[in-house]
C-alpha atoms as a PDB file:
ATOM      1  CA  MET A   1      10.553  -1.425  -0.373  1.00  0.00           C
ATOM      2  CA  LYS A   2      10.792  -0.066   3.237  1.00  0.00           C
ATOM      3  CA  THR A   3      13.440  -0.225   5.170  1.00  0.00           C
ATOM      4  CA  VAL A   4      14.705  -1.040   8.415  1.00  0.00           C
ATOM      5  CA  LYS A   5      16.333   1.950  10.067  1.00  0.00           C
ATOM      6  CA  ASN A   6      16.974   0.677  13.970  1.00  0.00           C
ATOM      7  CA  ASN A   7      15.274  -2.088  16.421  1.00  0.00           C
ATOM      8  CA  ASP A   8      12.351  -0.066  16.975  1.00  0.00           C
ATOM      9  CA  ASP A   9      11.649  -0.389  13.253  1.00  0.00           C
ATOM     10  CA  TYR A  10      12.716  -4.197  13.382  1.00  0.00           C
ATOM     11  CA  ASN A  11      10.488  -4.639  16.596  1.00  0.00           C
ATOM     12  CA  ASN A  12       7.430  -3.193  14.998  1.00  0.00           C
ATOM     13  CA  ILE A  13       7.570  -5.502  11.687  1.00  0.00           C
ATOM     14  CA  ILE A  14       8.409  -9.034  14.154  1.00  0.00           C
ATOM     15  CA  ASN A  15       5.248  -8.293  15.549  1.00  0.00           C
ATOM     16  CA  GLN A  16       2.978  -9.048  13.095  1.00  0.00           C
ATOM     17  CA  LYS A  17       1.626 -12.040  12.037  1.00  0.00           C
ATOM     18  CA  LYS A  18       2.566 -11.441   8.350  1.00  0.00           C
ATOM     19  CA  PRO A  19       5.834 -13.909   7.360  1.00  0.00           C
ATOM     20  CA  ILE A  20       9.373 -11.185   7.189  1.00  0.00           C
ATOM     21  CA  LEU A  21      11.688 -11.255   4.602  1.00  0.00           C
ATOM     22  CA  LEU A  22      14.976  -9.763   5.920  1.00  0.00           C
ATOM     23  CA  ASP A  23      17.053  -8.643   2.571  1.00  0.00           C
ATOM     24  CA  PHE A  24      20.952  -7.389   4.482  1.00  0.00           C
ATOM     25  CA  TYR A  25      22.755  -5.420   2.337  1.00  0.00           C
ATOM     26  CA  ALA A  26      25.128  -2.679   2.139  1.00  0.00           C
ATOM     27  CA  ASP A  27      25.445   0.087  -0.567  1.00  0.00           C
ATOM     28  CA  TRP A  28      28.635  -0.985  -1.180  1.00  0.00           C
ATOM     29  CA  CYS A  29      27.662  -4.119  -2.043  1.00  0.00           C
ATOM     30  CA  GLY A  30      27.827  -5.008  -5.969  1.00  0.00           C
ATOM     31  CA  PRO A  31      26.227  -8.585  -5.702  1.00  0.00           C
ATOM     32  CA  CYS A  32      24.450  -6.564  -3.168  1.00  0.00           C
ATOM     33  CA  GLN A  33      23.006  -3.976  -6.100  1.00  0.00           C
ATOM     34  CA  THR A  34      22.407  -6.660  -8.690  1.00  0.00           C
ATOM     35  CA  LEU A  35      19.979  -8.819  -6.029  1.00  0.00           C
ATOM     36  CA  LEU A  36      17.950  -5.492  -5.706  1.00  0.00           C
ATOM     37  CA  PRO A  37      16.044  -4.577  -8.459  1.00  0.00           C
ATOM     38  CA  THR A  38      14.736  -8.318  -7.795  1.00  0.00           C
ATOM     39  CA  VAL A  39      13.907  -7.594  -4.227  1.00  0.00           C
ATOM     40  CA  GLU A  40      11.436  -4.431  -4.854  1.00  0.00           C
ATOM     41  CA  LYS A  41      10.013  -6.678  -7.480  1.00  0.00           C
ATOM     42  CA  LEU A  42       9.201  -8.965  -5.406  1.00  0.00           C
ATOM     43  CA  ALA A  43       8.335  -6.696  -2.693  1.00  0.00           C
ATOM     44  CA  LYS A  44       5.318  -5.366  -4.485  1.00  0.00           C
ATOM     45  CA  GLU A  45       3.985  -8.795  -5.775  1.00  0.00           C
ATOM     46  CA  TYR A  46       3.914 -10.187  -2.446  1.00  0.00           C
ATOM     47  CA  GLU A  47       2.961  -6.248  -0.064  1.00  0.00           C
ATOM     48  CA  GLY A  48       0.210  -7.622   1.752  1.00  0.00           C
ATOM     49  CA  LYS A  49       1.170 -10.936   2.131  1.00  0.00           C
ATOM     50  CA  ILE A  50       4.484 -10.753   3.159  1.00  0.00           C
ATOM     51  CA  GLU A  51       6.701  -8.092   4.845  1.00  0.00           C
ATOM     52  CA  ILE A  52      10.030  -7.430   2.529  1.00  0.00           C
ATOM     53  CA  GLN A  53      12.370  -4.986   4.126  1.00  0.00           C
ATOM     54  CA  LYS A  54      15.697  -4.026   3.911  1.00  0.00           C
ATOM     55  CA  VAL A  55      18.351  -3.371   6.888  1.00  0.00           C
ATOM     56  CA  ASN A  56      21.616  -1.992   5.545  1.00  0.00           C
ATOM     57  CA  VAL A  57      24.413  -3.408   7.770  1.00  0.00           C
ATOM     58  CA  ASP A  58      26.933  -0.402   7.993  1.00  0.00           C
ATOM     59  CA  GLN A  59      23.976   1.624   9.698  1.00  0.00           C
ATOM     60  CA  ASN A  60      22.151  -0.970  11.943  1.00  0.00           C
ATOM     61  CA  PRO A  61      24.924  -3.143  12.530  1.00  0.00           C
ATOM     62  CA  GLU A  62      23.249  -4.590  16.106  1.00  0.00           C
ATOM     63  CA  LEU A  63      20.767  -6.320  14.000  1.00  0.00           C
ATOM     64  CA  ALA A  64      23.612  -7.616  11.447  1.00  0.00           C
ATOM     65  CA  ASN A  65      24.921  -8.850  14.942  1.00  0.00           C
ATOM     66  CA  LYS A  66      21.955 -10.044  16.129  1.00  0.00           C
ATOM     67  CA  TYR A  67      21.424 -12.569  12.440  1.00  0.00           C
ATOM     68  CA  ARG A  68      25.002 -13.200  12.762  1.00  0.00           C
ATOM     69  CA  VAL A  69      25.215 -11.783   8.749  1.00  0.00           C
ATOM     70  CA  ARG A  70      28.944 -12.344   8.292  1.00  0.00           C
ATOM     71  CA  ASN A  71      28.262 -12.109   3.781  1.00  0.00           C
ATOM     72  CA  ILE A  72      25.830 -10.467   1.954  1.00  0.00           C
ATOM     73  CA  PRO A  73      23.496 -10.655   0.186  1.00  0.00           C
ATOM     74  CA  ALA A  74      21.405 -12.570   2.778  1.00  0.00           C
ATOM     75  CA  LEU A  75      17.954 -12.750   3.212  1.00  0.00           C
ATOM     76  CA  TYR A  76      16.360 -13.922   5.796  1.00  0.00           C
ATOM     77  CA  PHE A  77      12.706 -15.559   5.933  1.00  0.00           C
ATOM     78  CA  ILE A  78      10.849 -14.703   8.798  1.00  0.00           C
ATOM     79  CA  LYS A  79       7.743 -16.781  10.068  1.00  0.00           C
ATOM     80  CA  ASP A  80       6.106 -16.473  13.481  1.00  0.00           C
ATOM     81  CA  SER A  81       9.033 -14.521  14.628  1.00  0.00           C
ATOM     82  CA  VAL A  82      11.740 -17.536  14.167  1.00  0.00           C
ATOM     83  CA  MET A  83      14.288 -17.765  10.877  1.00  0.00           C
ATOM     84  CA  VAL A  84      13.074 -20.758   8.477  1.00  0.00           C
ATOM     85  CA  ASP A  85      15.089 -20.103   5.741  1.00  0.00           C
ATOM     86  CA  LYS A  86      17.801 -17.788   4.965  1.00  0.00           C
ATOM     87  CA  VAL A  87      19.706 -17.216   1.222  1.00  0.00           C
ATOM     88  CA  ILE A  88      23.820 -16.380   1.581  1.00  0.00           C
ATOM     89  CA  GLY A  89      24.680 -14.689  -1.672  1.00  0.00           C
ATOM     90  CA  LEU A  90      22.508 -14.359  -4.664  1.00  0.00           C
ATOM     91  CA  ALA A  91      20.011 -15.870  -5.925  1.00  0.00           C
ATOM     92  CA  SER A  92      17.698 -16.451  -9.011  1.00  0.00           C
ATOM     93  CA  GLU A  93      13.775 -15.042  -8.843  1.00  0.00           C
ATOM     94  CA  ALA A  94      12.337 -18.277  -8.780  1.00  0.00           C
ATOM     95  CA  GLU A  95      14.284 -19.496  -5.558  1.00  0.00           C
ATOM     96  CA  LEU A  96      13.279 -16.565  -4.023  1.00  0.00           C
ATOM     97  CA  ARG A  97       9.758 -16.645  -4.987  1.00  0.00           C
ATOM     98  CA  ASP A  98       9.923 -20.386  -4.200  1.00  0.00           C
ATOM     99  CA  LYS A  99      10.634 -19.310  -0.746  1.00  0.00           C
ATOM    100  CA  LEU A 100       8.352 -16.821  -0.553  1.00  0.00           C
ATOM    101  CA  ASP A 101       5.463 -19.242  -1.021  1.00  0.00           C
ATOM    102  CA  LEU A 102       6.177 -21.921   1.339  1.00  0.00           C
ATOM    103  CA  MET A 103       6.535 -19.116   4.171  1.00  0.00           C
ATOM    104  CA  LEU A 104       2.606 -18.722   2.725  1.00  0.00           C
ATOM    105  CA  ASN A 105       1.515 -22.265   3.871  1.00  0.00           C
END
């Protein structure tokens, strides 16, 4: 799973045609680490259909501020450069899968 490291990375993914899931996290965040295996699994499953990338809020505070991330984990679902949904906190694999499938329609 790729990581958005800077604004150039962000601009490259936001301008593509595929839907995007941004996973805002921090290394010290327990719930973020709990969610990570699920997000990595979904990233492999949806590869080529949805761009799923991580954003470390400590290393990329500008992007976290742009999306007004106040709590983590925070998952932002983006389609056609517009945020269409978000999940704050832990979520089940089924819930995330449902949201990802909706973005493919």
